[in-house]
Full PDB file with SEQRES, HELIX, SHEET, SSBOND, CRYST1, ORIGX, SCALE, CONECT and MASTER records, all heavy atoms in Angstrom:
SEQRES   1 A   37  ASN ARG LEU ALA ALA LEU ALA HIS TRP VAL LEU PRO GLY          
SEQRES   2 A   37  LEU SER GLU GLY ARG LEU LEU THR GLY PHE GLU ASP PRO          
SEQRES   3 A   37  ALA ASP ILE ALA ALA PHE TYR LEU ASP GLN GLY                  
HELIX    1 AA1 ALA A    4  LEU A    6  5                                   3    
HELIX    2 AA2 LEU A   14  THR A   21  1                                   8    
HELIX    3 AA3 PRO A   26  GLN A   36  1                                  11    
CRYST1    1.000    1.000    1.000  90.00  90.00  90.00 P 1           1          
ORIGX1      1.000000  0.000000  0.000000        0.00000                         
ORIGX2      0.000000  1.000000  0.000000        0.00000                         
ORIGX3      0.000000  0.000000  1.000000        0.00000                         
SCALE1      1.000000  0.000000  0.000000        0.00000                         
SCALE2      0.000000  1.000000  0.000000        0.00000                         
SCALE3      0.000000  0.000000  1.000000        0.00000                         
ATOM      1  N   ASN A   1      -7.739  -2.350  -2.480  1.00  0.00           N  
ATOM      2  CA  ASN A   1      -6.594  -3.220  -2.200  1.00  0.00           C  
ATOM      3  C   ASN A   1      -6.581  -4.447  -3.112  1.00  0.00           C  
ATOM      4  O   ASN A   1      -5.511  -4.941  -3.476  1.00  0.00           O  
ATOM      5  CB  ASN A   1      -6.586  -3.631  -0.729  1.00  0.00           C  
ATOM      6  CG  ASN A   1      -6.066  -2.528   0.171  1.00  0.00           C  
ATOM      7  OD1 ASN A   1      -5.294  -1.669  -0.271  1.00  0.00           O  
ATOM      8  ND2 ASN A   1      -6.482  -2.525   1.431  1.00  0.00           N  
ATOM      9  N   ARG A   2      -7.748  -4.936  -3.488  1.00  0.00           N  
ATOM     10  CA  ARG A   2      -7.801  -6.040  -4.464  1.00  0.00           C  
ATOM     11  C   ARG A   2      -7.238  -5.593  -5.810  1.00  0.00           C  
ATOM     12  O   ARG A   2      -6.522  -6.343  -6.481  1.00  0.00           O  
ATOM     13  CB  ARG A   2      -9.238  -6.525  -4.631  1.00  0.00           C  
ATOM     14  CG  ARG A   2      -9.784  -7.359  -3.472  1.00  0.00           C  
ATOM     15  CD  ARG A   2     -11.221  -7.764  -3.746  1.00  0.00           C  
ATOM     16  NE  ARG A   2     -11.313  -8.559  -4.970  1.00  0.00           N  
ATOM     17  CZ  ARG A   2     -12.371  -8.548  -5.792  1.00  0.00           C  
ATOM     18  NH1 ARG A   2     -13.382  -7.735  -5.561  1.00  0.00           N  
ATOM     19  NH2 ARG A   2     -12.376  -9.331  -6.858  1.00  0.00           N  
ATOM     20  N   LEU A   3      -7.553  -4.382  -6.208  1.00  0.00           N  
ATOM     21  CA  LEU A   3      -7.023  -3.857  -7.459  1.00  0.00           C  
ATOM     22  C   LEU A   3      -5.523  -3.627  -7.365  1.00  0.00           C  
ATOM     23  O   LEU A   3      -4.774  -3.936  -8.298  1.00  0.00           O  
ATOM     24  CB  LEU A   3      -7.742  -2.554  -7.818  1.00  0.00           C  
ATOM     25  CG  LEU A   3      -9.176  -2.703  -8.334  1.00  0.00           C  
ATOM     26  CD1 LEU A   3      -9.915  -1.377  -8.251  1.00  0.00           C  
ATOM     27  CD2 LEU A   3      -9.182  -3.229  -9.763  1.00  0.00           C  
ATOM     28  N   ALA A   4      -5.076  -3.072  -6.254  1.00  0.00           N  
ATOM     29  CA  ALA A   4      -3.647  -2.807  -6.080  1.00  0.00           C  
ATOM     30  C   ALA A   4      -2.830  -4.088  -6.179  1.00  0.00           C  
ATOM     31  O   ALA A   4      -1.680  -4.071  -6.636  1.00  0.00           O  
ATOM     32  CB  ALA A   4      -3.400  -2.121  -4.739  1.00  0.00           C  
ATOM     33  N   ALA A   5      -3.424  -5.204  -5.770  1.00  0.00           N  
ATOM     34  CA  ALA A   5      -2.716  -6.485  -5.830  1.00  0.00           C  
ATOM     35  C   ALA A   5      -2.463  -6.939  -7.261  1.00  0.00           C  
ATOM     36  O   ALA A   5      -1.668  -7.860  -7.488  1.00  0.00           O  
ATOM     37  CB  ALA A   5      -3.516  -7.552  -5.079  1.00  0.00           C  
ATOM     38  N   LEU A   6      -3.105  -6.288  -8.232  1.00  0.00           N  
ATOM     39  CA  LEU A   6      -2.915  -6.635  -9.641  1.00  0.00           C  
ATOM     40  C   LEU A   6      -1.868  -5.752 -10.317  1.00  0.00           C  
ATOM     41  O   LEU A   6      -1.586  -5.932 -11.504  1.00  0.00           O  
ATOM     42  CB  LEU A   6      -4.249  -6.502 -10.391  1.00  0.00           C  
ATOM     43  CG  LEU A   6      -5.377  -7.427  -9.923  1.00  0.00           C  
ATOM     44  CD1 LEU A   6      -6.683  -7.050 -10.623  1.00  0.00           C  
ATOM     45  CD2 LEU A   6      -5.031  -8.891 -10.200  1.00  0.00           C  
ATOM     46  N   ALA A   7      -1.317  -4.795  -9.583  1.00  0.00           N  
ATOM     47  CA  ALA A   7      -0.397  -3.825 -10.177  1.00  0.00           C  
ATOM     48  C   ALA A   7       1.050  -4.132  -9.842  1.00  0.00           C  
ATOM     49  O   ALA A   7       1.365  -4.681  -8.780  1.00  0.00           O  
ATOM     50  CB  ALA A   7      -0.748  -2.418  -9.691  1.00  0.00           C  
ATOM     51  N   HIS A   8       1.939  -3.736 -10.748  1.00  0.00           N  
ATOM     52  CA  HIS A   8       3.380  -3.841 -10.496  1.00  0.00           C  
ATOM     53  C   HIS A   8       3.894  -2.614  -9.732  1.00  0.00           C  
ATOM     54  O   HIS A   8       4.799  -2.722  -8.912  1.00  0.00           O  
ATOM     55  CB  HIS A   8       4.145  -3.955 -11.821  1.00  0.00           C  
ATOM     56  CG  HIS A   8       3.775  -5.151 -12.632  1.00  0.00           C  
ATOM     57  ND1 HIS A   8       2.780  -5.136 -13.576  1.00  0.00           N  
ATOM     58  CD2 HIS A   8       4.278  -6.421 -12.624  1.00  0.00           C  
ATOM     59  CE1 HIS A   8       2.681  -6.336 -14.135  1.00  0.00           C  
ATOM     60  NE2 HIS A   8       3.577  -7.129 -13.581  1.00  0.00           N  
ATOM     61  N   TRP A   9       3.327  -1.449 -10.034  1.00  0.00           N  
ATOM     62  CA  TRP A   9       3.763  -0.201  -9.407  1.00  0.00           C  
ATOM     63  C   TRP A   9       2.561   0.444  -8.734  1.00  0.00           C  
ATOM     64  O   TRP A   9       1.566   0.773  -9.388  1.00  0.00           O  
ATOM     65  CB  TRP A   9       4.333   0.765 -10.457  1.00  0.00           C  
ATOM     66  CG  TRP A   9       5.318   0.139 -11.400  1.00  0.00           C  
ATOM     67  CD1 TRP A   9       6.171  -0.906 -11.131  1.00  0.00           C  
ATOM     68  CD2 TRP A   9       5.543   0.474 -12.773  1.00  0.00           C  
ATOM     69  NE1 TRP A   9       6.916  -1.226 -12.243  1.00  0.00           N  
ATOM     70  CE2 TRP A   9       6.558  -0.399 -13.274  1.00  0.00           C  
ATOM     71  CE3 TRP A   9       5.016   1.431 -13.640  1.00  0.00           C  
ATOM     72  CZ2 TRP A   9       7.020  -0.339 -14.582  1.00  0.00           C  
ATOM     73  CZ3 TRP A   9       5.482   1.487 -14.946  1.00  0.00           C  
ATOM     74  CH2 TRP A   9       6.477   0.627 -15.406  1.00  0.00           C  
ATOM     75  N   VAL A  10       2.633   0.641  -7.431  1.00  0.00           N  
ATOM     76  CA  VAL A  10       1.518   1.199  -6.651  1.00  0.00           C  
ATOM     77  C   VAL A  10       1.934   2.565  -6.128  1.00  0.00           C  
ATOM     78  O   VAL A  10       3.021   2.716  -5.551  1.00  0.00           O  
ATOM     79  CB  VAL A  10       1.129   0.255  -5.493  1.00  0.00           C  
ATOM     80  CG1 VAL A  10      -0.056   0.823  -4.714  1.00  0.00           C  
ATOM     81  CG2 VAL A  10       0.795  -1.139  -6.030  1.00  0.00           C  
ATOM     82  N   LEU A  11       1.047   3.568  -6.299  1.00  0.00           N  
ATOM     83  CA  LEU A  11       1.422   4.959  -6.053  1.00  0.00           C  
ATOM     84  C   LEU A  11       0.434   5.680  -5.132  1.00  0.00           C  
ATOM     85  O   LEU A  11      -0.235   6.639  -5.540  1.00  0.00           O  
ATOM     86  CB  LEU A  11       1.496   5.709  -7.392  1.00  0.00           C  
ATOM     87  CG  LEU A  11       2.257   5.022  -8.537  1.00  0.00           C  
ATOM     88  CD1 LEU A  11       2.090   5.807  -9.828  1.00  0.00           C  
ATOM     89  CD2 LEU A  11       3.727   4.861  -8.169  1.00  0.00           C  
ATOM     90  N   PRO A  12       0.338   5.300  -3.872  1.00  0.00           N  
ATOM     91  CA  PRO A  12      -0.613   5.974  -2.988  1.00  0.00           C  
ATOM     92  C   PRO A  12      -0.047   7.247  -2.373  1.00  0.00           C  
ATOM     93  O   PRO A  12       1.171   7.425  -2.277  1.00  0.00           O  
ATOM     94  CB  PRO A  12      -0.843   4.927  -1.898  1.00  0.00           C  
ATOM     95  CG  PRO A  12       0.489   4.234  -1.789  1.00  0.00           C  
ATOM     96  CD  PRO A  12       1.022   4.186  -3.213  1.00  0.00           C  
ATOM     97  N   GLY A  13      -0.946   8.131  -1.942  1.00  0.00           N  
ATOM     98  CA  GLY A  13      -0.544   9.217  -1.073  1.00  0.00           C  
ATOM     99  C   GLY A  13      -0.426   8.679   0.349  1.00  0.00           C  
ATOM    100  O   GLY A  13      -0.944   7.600   0.658  1.00  0.00           O  
ATOM    101  N   LEU A  14       0.247   9.415   1.212  1.00  0.00           N  
ATOM    102  CA  LEU A  14       0.453   8.929   2.578  1.00  0.00           C  
ATOM    103  C   LEU A  14      -0.866   8.701   3.307  1.00  0.00           C  
ATOM    104  O   LEU A  14      -1.066   7.659   3.933  1.00  0.00           O  
ATOM    105  CB  LEU A  14       1.329   9.913   3.358  1.00  0.00           C  
ATOM    106  CG  LEU A  14       1.603   9.535   4.822  1.00  0.00           C  
ATOM    107  CD1 LEU A  14       2.318   8.196   4.925  1.00  0.00           C  
ATOM    108  CD2 LEU A  14       2.417  10.631   5.500  1.00  0.00           C  
ATOM    109  N   SER A  15      -1.778   9.668   3.243  1.00  0.00           N  
ATOM    110  CA  SER A  15      -3.052   9.500   3.950  1.00  0.00           C  
ATOM    111  C   SER A  15      -3.855   8.347   3.357  1.00  0.00           C  
ATOM    112  O   SER A  15      -4.524   7.604   4.090  1.00  0.00           O  
ATOM    113  CB  SER A  15      -3.860  10.801   3.899  1.00  0.00           C  
ATOM    114  OG  SER A  15      -4.144  11.167   2.565  1.00  0.00           O  
ATOM    115  N   GLU A  16      -3.779   8.167   2.046  1.00  0.00           N  
ATOM    116  CA  GLU A  16      -4.453   7.036   1.411  1.00  0.00           C  
ATOM    117  C   GLU A  16      -3.857   5.721   1.894  1.00  0.00           C  
ATOM    118  O   GLU A  16      -4.581   4.783   2.240  1.00  0.00           O  
ATOM    119  CB  GLU A  16      -4.308   7.121  -0.109  1.00  0.00           C  
ATOM    120  CG  GLU A  16      -5.087   8.235  -0.759  1.00  0.00           C  
ATOM    121  CD  GLU A  16      -4.848   8.308  -2.262  1.00  0.00           C  
ATOM    122  OE1 GLU A  16      -3.707   8.016  -2.712  1.00  0.00           O  
ATOM    123  OE2 GLU A  16      -5.792   8.660  -2.976  1.00  0.00           O  
ATOM    124  N   GLY A  17      -2.538   5.655   1.912  1.00  0.00           N  
ATOM    125  CA  GLY A  17      -1.876   4.436   2.347  1.00  0.00           C  
ATOM    126  C   GLY A  17      -2.216   4.078   3.787  1.00  0.00           C  
ATOM    127  O   GLY A  17      -2.406   2.901   4.119  1.00  0.00           O  
ATOM    128  N   ARG A  18      -2.293   5.087   4.645  1.00  0.00           N  
ATOM    129  CA  ARG A  18      -2.648   4.826   6.037  1.00  0.00           C  
ATOM    130  C   ARG A  18      -4.056   4.282   6.163  1.00  0.00           C  
ATOM    131  O   ARG A  18      -4.317   3.344   6.927  1.00  0.00           O  
ATOM    132  CB  ARG A  18      -2.496   6.122   6.845  1.00  0.00           C  
ATOM    133  CG  ARG A  18      -1.044   6.494   7.108  1.00  0.00           C  
ATOM    134  CD  ARG A  18      -0.908   7.873   7.731  1.00  0.00           C  
ATOM    135  NE  ARG A  18       0.445   8.075   8.259  1.00  0.00           N  
ATOM    136  CZ  ARG A  18       0.905   9.247   8.685  1.00  0.00           C  
ATOM    137  NH1 ARG A  18       0.139  10.326   8.624  1.00  0.00           N  
ATOM    138  NH2 ARG A  18       2.138   9.338   9.153  1.00  0.00           N  
ATOM    139  N   LEU A  19      -4.990   4.863   5.418  1.00  0.00           N  
ATOM    140  CA  LEU A  19      -6.379   4.390   5.474  1.00  0.00           C  
ATOM    141  C   LEU A  19      -6.507   2.986   4.901  1.00  0.00           C  
ATOM    142  O   LEU A  19      -7.193   2.129   5.461  1.00  0.00           O  
ATOM    143  CB  LEU A  19      -7.274   5.365   4.697  1.00  0.00           C  
ATOM    144  CG  LEU A  19      -8.755   4.980   4.578  1.00  0.00           C  
ATOM    145  CD1 LEU A  19      -9.400   4.892   5.959  1.00  0.00           C  
ATOM    146  CD2 LEU A  19      -9.489   5.987   3.705  1.00  0.00           C  
ATOM    147  N   LEU A  20      -5.837   2.731   3.803  1.00  0.00           N  
ATOM    148  CA  LEU A  20      -5.988   1.458   3.104  1.00  0.00           C  
ATOM    149  C   LEU A  20      -5.313   0.296   3.818  1.00  0.00           C  
ATOM    150  O   LEU A  20      -5.776  -0.849   3.739  1.00  0.00           O  
ATOM    151  CB  LEU A  20      -5.429   1.570   1.683  1.00  0.00           C  
ATOM    152  CG  LEU A  20      -6.224   2.458   0.718  1.00  0.00           C  
ATOM    153  CD1 LEU A  20      -5.423   2.713  -0.552  1.00  0.00           C  
ATOM    154  CD2 LEU A  20      -7.565   1.822   0.379  1.00  0.00           C  
ATOM    155  N   THR A  21      -4.204   0.563   4.504  1.00  0.00           N  
ATOM    156  CA  THR A  21      -3.438  -0.535   5.122  1.00  0.00           C  
ATOM    157  C   THR A  21      -3.549  -0.596   6.638  1.00  0.00           C  
ATOM    158  O   THR A  21      -3.278  -1.643   7.231  1.00  0.00           O  
ATOM    159  CB  THR A  21      -1.949  -0.409   4.762  1.00  0.00           C  
ATOM    160  OG1 THR A  21      -1.395   0.739   5.424  1.00  0.00           O  
ATOM    161  CG2 THR A  21      -1.751  -0.289   3.248  1.00  0.00           C  
ATOM    162  N   GLY A  22      -3.886   0.524   7.265  1.00  0.00           N  
ATOM    163  CA  GLY A  22      -3.914   0.570   8.721  1.00  0.00           C  
ATOM    164  C   GLY A  22      -2.562   0.833   9.342  1.00  0.00           C  
ATOM    165  O   GLY A  22      -2.438   0.903  10.567  1.00  0.00           O  
ATOM    166  N   PHE A  23      -1.525   1.007   8.511  1.00  0.00           N  
ATOM    167  CA  PHE A  23      -0.180   1.302   9.007  1.00  0.00           C  
ATOM    168  C   PHE A  23       0.098   2.803   8.934  1.00  0.00           C  
ATOM    169  O   PHE A  23      -0.442   3.510   8.087  1.00  0.00           O  
ATOM    170  CB  PHE A  23       0.880   0.544   8.201  1.00  0.00           C  
ATOM    171  CG  PHE A  23       0.801  -0.950   8.342  1.00  0.00           C  
ATOM    172  CD1 PHE A  23       0.443  -1.755   7.259  1.00  0.00           C  
ATOM    173  CD2 PHE A  23       1.072  -1.560   9.556  1.00  0.00           C  
ATOM    174  CE1 PHE A  23       0.371  -3.126   7.377  1.00  0.00           C  
ATOM    175  CE2 PHE A  23       1.001  -2.946   9.691  1.00  0.00           C  
ATOM    176  CZ  PHE A  23       0.642  -3.738   8.605  1.00  0.00           C  
ATOM    177  N   GLU A  24       0.970   3.277   9.811  1.00  0.00           N  
ATOM    178  CA  GLU A  24       1.321   4.696   9.855  1.00  0.00           C  
ATOM    179  C   GLU A  24       2.594   4.998   9.071  1.00  0.00           C  
ATOM    180  O   GLU A  24       2.665   5.964   8.323  1.00  0.00           O  
ATOM    181  CB  GLU A  24       1.504   5.148  11.316  1.00  0.00           C  
ATOM    182  CG  GLU A  24       0.209   5.249  12.087  1.00  0.00           C  
ATOM    183  CD  GLU A  24      -0.662   6.383  11.589  1.00  0.00           C  
ATOM    184  OE1 GLU A  24      -0.151   7.515  11.426  1.00  0.00           O  
ATOM    185  OE2 GLU A  24      -1.859   6.134  11.345  1.00  0.00           O  
ATOM    186  N   ASP A  25       3.632   4.193   9.271  1.00  0.00           N  
ATOM    187  CA  ASP A  25       4.925   4.453   8.645  1.00  0.00           C  
ATOM    188  C   ASP A  25       4.897   4.152   7.151  1.00  0.00           C  
ATOM    189  O   ASP A  25       4.354   3.124   6.730  1.00  0.00           O  
ATOM    190  CB  ASP A  25       6.006   3.597   9.294  1.00  0.00           C  
ATOM    191  CG  ASP A  25       6.497   4.175  10.607  1.00  0.00           C  
ATOM    192  OD1 ASP A  25       5.869   5.103  11.142  1.00  0.00           O  
ATOM    193  OD2 ASP A  25       7.522   3.675  11.089  1.00  0.00           O  
ATOM    194  N   PRO A  26       5.516   4.995   6.351  1.00  0.00           N  
ATOM    195  CA  PRO A  26       5.596   4.718   4.912  1.00  0.00           C  
ATOM    196  C   PRO A  26       6.214   3.362   4.605  1.00  0.00           C  
ATOM    197  O   PRO A  26       5.790   2.679   3.665  1.00  0.00           O  
ATOM    198  CB  PRO A  26       6.465   5.874   4.397  1.00  0.00           C  
ATOM    199  CG  PRO A  26       6.226   6.987   5.357  1.00  0.00           C  
ATOM    200  CD  PRO A  26       6.076   6.326   6.688  1.00  0.00           C  
ATOM    201  N   ALA A  27       7.216   2.964   5.379  1.00  0.00           N  
ATOM    202  CA  ALA A  27       7.868   1.675   5.118  1.00  0.00           C  
ATOM    203  C   ALA A  27       6.891   0.518   5.277  1.00  0.00           C  
ATOM    204  O   ALA A  27       6.913  -0.441   4.490  1.00  0.00           O  
ATOM    205  CB  ALA A  27       9.054   1.491   6.061  1.00  0.00           C  
ATOM    206  N   ASP A  28       6.033   0.596   6.278  1.00  0.00           N  
ATOM    207  CA  ASP A  28       5.063  -0.475   6.500  1.00  0.00           C  
ATOM    208  C   ASP A  28       3.973  -0.465   5.440  1.00  0.00           C  
ATOM    209  O   ASP A  28       3.500  -1.530   5.013  1.00  0.00           O  
ATOM    210  CB  ASP A  28       4.440  -0.329   7.892  1.00  0.00           C  
ATOM    211  CG  ASP A  28       5.449  -0.551   9.007  1.00  0.00           C  
ATOM    212  OD1 ASP A  28       6.379  -1.352   8.806  1.00  0.00           O  
ATOM    213  OD2 ASP A  28       5.303   0.083  10.066  1.00  0.00           O  
ATOM    214  N   ILE A  29       3.562   0.723   5.026  1.00  0.00           N  
ATOM    215  CA  ILE A  29       2.575   0.819   3.954  1.00  0.00           C  
ATOM    216  C   ILE A  29       3.131   0.194   2.680  1.00  0.00           C  
ATOM    217  O   ILE A  29       2.465  -0.601   2.005  1.00  0.00           O  
ATOM    218  CB  ILE A  29       2.196   2.290   3.708  1.00  0.00           C  
ATOM    219  CG1 ILE A  29       1.505   2.870   4.939  1.00  0.00           C  
ATOM    220  CG2 ILE A  29       1.303   2.417   2.473  1.00  0.00           C  
ATOM    221  CD1 ILE A  29       1.333   4.374   4.895  1.00  0.00           C  
ATOM    222  N   ALA A  30       4.356   0.550   2.349  1.00  0.00           N  
ATOM    223  CA  ALA A  30       4.987   0.007   1.151  1.00  0.00           C  
ATOM    224  C   ALA A  30       5.129  -1.510   1.247  1.00  0.00           C  
ATOM    225  O   ALA A  30       4.876  -2.234   0.275  1.00  0.00           O  
ATOM    226  CB  ALA A  30       6.342   0.658   0.927  1.00  0.00           C  
ATOM    227  N   ALA A  31       5.533  -2.004   2.409  1.00  0.00           N  
ATOM    228  CA  ALA A  31       5.701  -3.445   2.587  1.00  0.00           C  
ATOM    229  C   ALA A  31       4.384  -4.184   2.379  1.00  0.00           C  
ATOM    230  O   ALA A  31       4.362  -5.294   1.830  1.00  0.00           O  
ATOM    231  CB  ALA A  31       6.263  -3.732   3.976  1.00  0.00           C  
ATOM    232  N   PHE A  32       3.298  -3.581   2.802  1.00  0.00           N  
ATOM    233  CA  PHE A  32       1.969  -4.189   2.621  1.00  0.00           C  
ATOM    234  C   PHE A  32       1.711  -4.483   1.146  1.00  0.00           C  
ATOM    235  O   PHE A  32       1.266  -5.580   0.791  1.00  0.00           O  
ATOM    236  CB  PHE A  32       0.908  -3.231   3.181  1.00  0.00           C  
ATOM    237  CG  PHE A  32      -0.506  -3.689   2.976  1.00  0.00           C  
ATOM    238  CD1 PHE A  32      -1.127  -4.489   3.908  1.00  0.00           C  
ATOM    239  CD2 PHE A  32      -1.227  -3.299   1.841  1.00  0.00           C  
ATOM    240  CE1 PHE A  32      -2.462  -4.905   3.724  1.00  0.00           C  
ATOM    241  CE2 PHE A  32      -2.538  -3.708   1.643  1.00  0.00           C  
ATOM    242  CZ  PHE A  32      -3.154  -4.515   2.591  1.00  0.00           C  
ATOM    243  N   TYR A  33       2.015  -3.529   0.280  1.00  0.00           N  
ATOM    244  CA  TYR A  33       1.746  -3.715  -1.147  1.00  0.00           C  
ATOM    245  C   TYR A  33       2.796  -4.589  -1.823  1.00  0.00           C  
ATOM    246  O   TYR A  33       2.489  -5.324  -2.768  1.00  0.00           O  
ATOM    247  CB  TYR A  33       1.598  -2.366  -1.839  1.00  0.00           C  
ATOM    248  CG  TYR A  33       0.321  -1.671  -1.427  1.00  0.00           C  
ATOM    249  CD1 TYR A  33       0.345  -0.515  -0.654  1.00  0.00           C  
ATOM    250  CD2 TYR A  33      -0.907  -2.222  -1.756  1.00  0.00           C  
ATOM    251  CE1 TYR A  33      -0.831   0.089  -0.245  1.00  0.00           C  
ATOM    252  CE2 TYR A  33      -2.096  -1.634  -1.349  1.00  0.00           C  
ATOM    253  CZ  TYR A  33      -2.056  -0.482  -0.594  1.00  0.00           C  
ATOM    254  OH  TYR A  33      -3.228   0.108  -0.169  1.00  0.00           O  
ATOM    255  N   LEU A  34       4.024  -4.542  -1.337  1.00  0.00           N  
ATOM    256  CA  LEU A  34       5.035  -5.464  -1.858  1.00  0.00           C  
ATOM    257  C   LEU A  34       4.638  -6.909  -1.555  1.00  0.00           C  
ATOM    258  O   LEU A  34       4.799  -7.797  -2.394  1.00  0.00           O  
ATOM    259  CB  LEU A  34       6.405  -5.151  -1.261  1.00  0.00           C  
ATOM    260  CG  LEU A  34       7.048  -3.828  -1.687  1.00  0.00           C  
ATOM    261  CD1 LEU A  34       8.340  -3.612  -0.918  1.00  0.00           C  
ATOM    262  CD2 LEU A  34       7.315  -3.802  -3.200  1.00  0.00           C  
ATOM    263  N   ASP A  35       4.107  -7.131  -0.375  1.00  0.00           N  
ATOM    264  CA  ASP A  35       3.670  -8.472   0.005  1.00  0.00           C  
ATOM    265  C   ASP A  35       2.486  -8.942  -0.834  1.00  0.00           C  
ATOM    266  O   ASP A  35       2.277 -10.149  -1.011  1.00  0.00           O  
ATOM    267  CB  ASP A  35       3.289  -8.513   1.486  1.00  0.00           C  
ATOM    268  CG  ASP A  35       4.485  -8.398   2.419  1.00  0.00           C  
ATOM    269  OD1 ASP A  35       5.615  -8.610   1.947  1.00  0.00           O  
ATOM    270  OD2 ASP A  35       4.289  -8.078   3.607  1.00  0.00           O  
ATOM    271  N   GLN A  36       1.708  -7.983  -1.363  1.00  0.00           N  
ATOM    272  CA  GLN A  36       0.563  -8.340  -2.203  1.00  0.00           C  
ATOM    273  C   GLN A  36       0.958  -8.649  -3.643  1.00  0.00           C  
ATOM    274  O   GLN A  36       0.143  -9.136  -4.419  1.00  0.00           O  
ATOM    275  CB  GLN A  36      -0.458  -7.194  -2.222  1.00  0.00           C  
ATOM    276  CG  GLN A  36      -1.332  -7.102  -0.989  1.00  0.00           C  
ATOM    277  CD  GLN A  36      -2.548  -6.220  -1.244  1.00  0.00           C  
ATOM    278  OE1 GLN A  36      -2.521  -5.299  -2.061  1.00  0.00           O  
ATOM    279  NE2 GLN A  36      -3.628  -6.503  -0.549  1.00  0.00           N  
ATOM    280  N   GLY A  37       2.192  -8.311  -4.015  1.00  0.00           N  
ATOM    281  CA  GLY A  37       2.623  -8.617  -5.373  1.00  0.00           C  
ATOM    282  C   GLY A  37       3.203  -7.462  -6.155  1.00  0.00           C  
ATOM    283  O   GLY A  37       3.628  -7.648  -7.304  1.00  0.00           O  
TER     284      GLY A  37                                                      
MASTER        0    0    0    3    0    0    0    6  283    1    0    3          
END                                                                             
């Protein structure tokens, strides 16, 4: 997640996004990384 905060475009798989953010919905996972930059 520290590395993802340095990227403009973040491309996780759904299961990866759920593990990394703790969110289930794709919209919430995406919002997590948008909030990081």
